[in-house]
Amino acid sequence: MITRHHKYLSVIGWYGAVAAIVGYFLINFAGVEVHSPLFLYLNLSAILSIAFDSLRHKAYASTSINLIVATLTVVSIVKFLF
């Protein structure tokens, strides 16, 4: 049985999926650069949201991949800032 608590947590995963699609759209159709802060922060929030949802569902391989990609994104953000 899905409780209200689980429904609210599912929103986090859905946010990640939508944010990833929006990021893809921005790169391919709106002329946003891959290394722009807008894309990097949107991508990081999407990745972390999906990683959280994957972990919640005990999908450890997906969680691991998303955390690796999140780490790479953080490196890109730091590189952009400095």
C-alpha atoms as a PDB file:
ATOM      1  CA  MET A   1       0.000   0.000   0.000  1.00  0.00           C
ATOM      2  CA  ILE A   2       1.354   3.397  -0.973  1.00  0.00           C
ATOM      3  CA  THR A   3       1.155   5.905   1.826  1.00  0.00           C
ATOM      4  CA  ARG A   4       0.969   9.653   1.460  1.00  0.00           C
ATOM      5  CA  HIS A   5       4.617   9.791   2.549  1.00  0.00           C
ATOM      6  CA  HIS A   6       5.634   7.589  -0.395  1.00  0.00           C
ATOM      7  CA  LYS A   7       3.614   9.709  -2.826  1.00  0.00           C
ATOM      8  CA  TYR A   8       5.485  12.821  -1.759  1.00  0.00           C
ATOM      9  CA  LEU A   9       8.834  11.075  -2.110  1.00  0.00           C
ATOM     10  CA  SER A  10       7.868   9.923  -5.614  1.00  0.00           C
ATOM     11  CA  VAL A  11       7.558  13.568  -6.624  1.00  0.00           C
ATOM     12  CA  ILE A  12      11.322  13.900  -6.102  1.00  0.00           C
ATOM     13  CA  GLY A  13      12.003  11.211  -8.692  1.00  0.00           C
ATOM     14  CA  TRP A  14       9.496  12.709 -11.115  1.00  0.00           C
ATOM     15  CA  TYR A  15      11.127  16.127 -10.684  1.00  0.00           C
ATOM     16  CA  GLY A  16      14.471  14.549 -11.631  1.00  0.00           C
ATOM     17  CA  ALA A  17      13.035  12.991 -14.766  1.00  0.00           C
ATOM     18  CA  VAL A  18      11.365  16.225 -15.876  1.00  0.00           C
ATOM     19  CA  ALA A  19      14.483  18.296 -15.064  1.00  0.00           C
ATOM     20  CA  ALA A  20      16.628  15.917 -17.150  1.00  0.00           C
ATOM     21  CA  ILE A  21      14.257  16.298 -20.110  1.00  0.00           C
ATOM     22  CA  VAL A  22      14.206  20.089 -19.715  1.00  0.00           C
ATOM     23  CA  GLY A  23      18.024  20.079 -19.644  1.00  0.00           C
ATOM     24  CA  TYR A  24      18.123  18.003 -22.812  1.00  0.00           C
ATOM     25  CA  PHE A  25      15.709  20.423 -24.466  1.00  0.00           C
ATOM     26  CA  LEU A  26      17.754  23.471 -23.391  1.00  0.00           C
ATOM     27  CA  ILE A  27      20.952  22.011 -24.837  1.00  0.00           C
ATOM     28  CA  ASN A  28      19.476  20.818 -28.110  1.00  0.00           C
ATOM     29  CA  PHE A  29      16.812  23.379 -28.947  1.00  0.00           C
ATOM     30  CA  ALA A  30      17.322  26.541 -26.875  1.00  0.00           C
ATOM     31  CA  GLY A  31      21.005  27.122 -27.505  1.00  0.00           C
ATOM     32  CA  VAL A  32      22.112  26.736 -23.891  1.00  0.00           C
ATOM     33  CA  GLU A  33      25.758  25.734 -23.569  1.00  0.00           C
ATOM     34  CA  VAL A  34      26.666  22.467 -21.840  1.00  0.00           C
ATOM     35  CA  HIS A  35      28.962  24.303 -19.421  1.00  0.00           C
ATOM     36  CA  SER A  36      26.464  27.045 -18.552  1.00  0.00           C
ATOM     37  CA  PRO A  37      25.516  27.393 -14.866  1.00  0.00           C
ATOM     38  CA  LEU A  38      21.835  26.972 -15.778  1.00  0.00           C
ATOM     39  CA  PHE A  39      22.412  23.564 -17.307  1.00  0.00           C
ATOM     40  CA  LEU A  40      24.954  22.404 -14.713  1.00  0.00           C
ATOM     41  CA  TYR A  41      22.723  23.189 -11.726  1.00  0.00           C
ATOM     42  CA  LEU A  42      19.609  21.829 -13.431  1.00  0.00           C
ATOM     43  CA  ASN A  43      21.494  18.668 -14.362  1.00  0.00           C
ATOM     44  CA  LEU A  44      22.881  18.255 -10.842  1.00  0.00           C
ATOM     45  CA  SER A  45      19.441  18.623  -9.282  1.00  0.00           C
ATOM     46  CA  ALA A  46      18.007  16.112 -11.763  1.00  0.00           C
ATOM     47  CA  ILE A  47      20.779  13.585 -11.136  1.00  0.00           C
ATOM     48  CA  LEU A  48      20.528  13.846  -7.343  1.00  0.00           C
ATOM     49  CA  SER A  49      16.741  13.541  -7.465  1.00  0.00           C
ATOM     50  CA  ILE A  50      16.918  10.435  -9.616  1.00  0.00           C
ATOM     51  CA  ALA A  51      19.686   8.993  -7.409  1.00  0.00           C
ATOM     52  CA  PHE A  52      17.531   9.562  -4.328  1.00  0.00           C
ATOM     53  CA  ASP A  53      14.550   7.854  -5.943  1.00  0.00           C
ATOM     54  CA  SER A  54      16.738   4.969  -7.165  1.00  0.00           C
ATOM     55  CA  LEU A  55      18.150   4.480  -3.678  1.00  0.00           C
ATOM     56  CA  ARG A  56      14.651   4.553  -2.220  1.00  0.00           C
ATOM     57  CA  HIS A  57      13.716   1.697  -4.553  1.00  0.00           C
ATOM     58  CA  LYS A  58      16.947  -0.166  -3.743  1.00  0.00           C
ATOM     59  CA  ALA A  59      18.200   0.161  -7.329  1.00  0.00           C
ATOM     60  CA  TYR A  60      21.825   0.346  -6.241  1.00  0.00           C
ATOM     61  CA  ALA A  61      23.409   0.173  -9.710  1.00  0.00           C
ATOM     62  CA  SER A  62      21.350   3.146 -10.901  1.00  0.00           C
ATOM     63  CA  THR A  63      22.107   5.019  -7.679  1.00  0.00           C
ATOM     64  CA  SER A  64      25.841   4.410  -8.111  1.00  0.00           C
ATOM     65  CA  ILE A  65      25.892   5.609 -11.716  1.00  0.00           C
ATOM     66  CA  ASN A  66      23.916   8.728 -10.825  1.00  0.00           C
ATOM     67  CA  LEU A  67      26.242   9.548  -7.921  1.00  0.00           C
ATOM     68  CA  ILE A  68      29.261   9.187 -10.210  1.00  0.00           C
ATOM     69  CA  VAL A  69      27.661  11.519 -12.756  1.00  0.00           C
ATOM     70  CA  ALA A  70      26.742  13.931  -9.932  1.00  0.00           C
ATOM     71  CA  THR A  71      30.387  13.969  -8.840  1.00  0.00           C
ATOM     72  CA  LEU A  72      31.483  14.770 -12.393  1.00  0.00           C
ATOM     73  CA  THR A  73      28.899  17.547 -12.548  1.00  0.00           C
ATOM     74  CA  VAL A  74      30.153  19.032  -9.274  1.00  0.00           C
ATOM     75  CA  VAL A  75      33.688  18.983 -10.703  1.00  0.00           C
ATOM     76  CA  SER A  76      32.383  20.852 -13.769  1.00  0.00           C
ATOM     77  CA  ILE A  77      30.650  23.428 -11.550  1.00  0.00           C
ATOM     78  CA  VAL A  78      33.821  23.982  -9.500  1.00  0.00           C
ATOM     79  CA  LYS A  79      35.850  24.254 -12.697  1.00  0.00           C
ATOM     80  CA  PHE A  80      33.368  26.819 -14.040  1.00  0.00           C
ATOM     81  CA  LEU A  81      33.464  28.875 -10.834  1.00  0.00           C
ATOM     82  CA  PHE A  82      37.249  28.933 -10.537  1.00  0.00           C
END
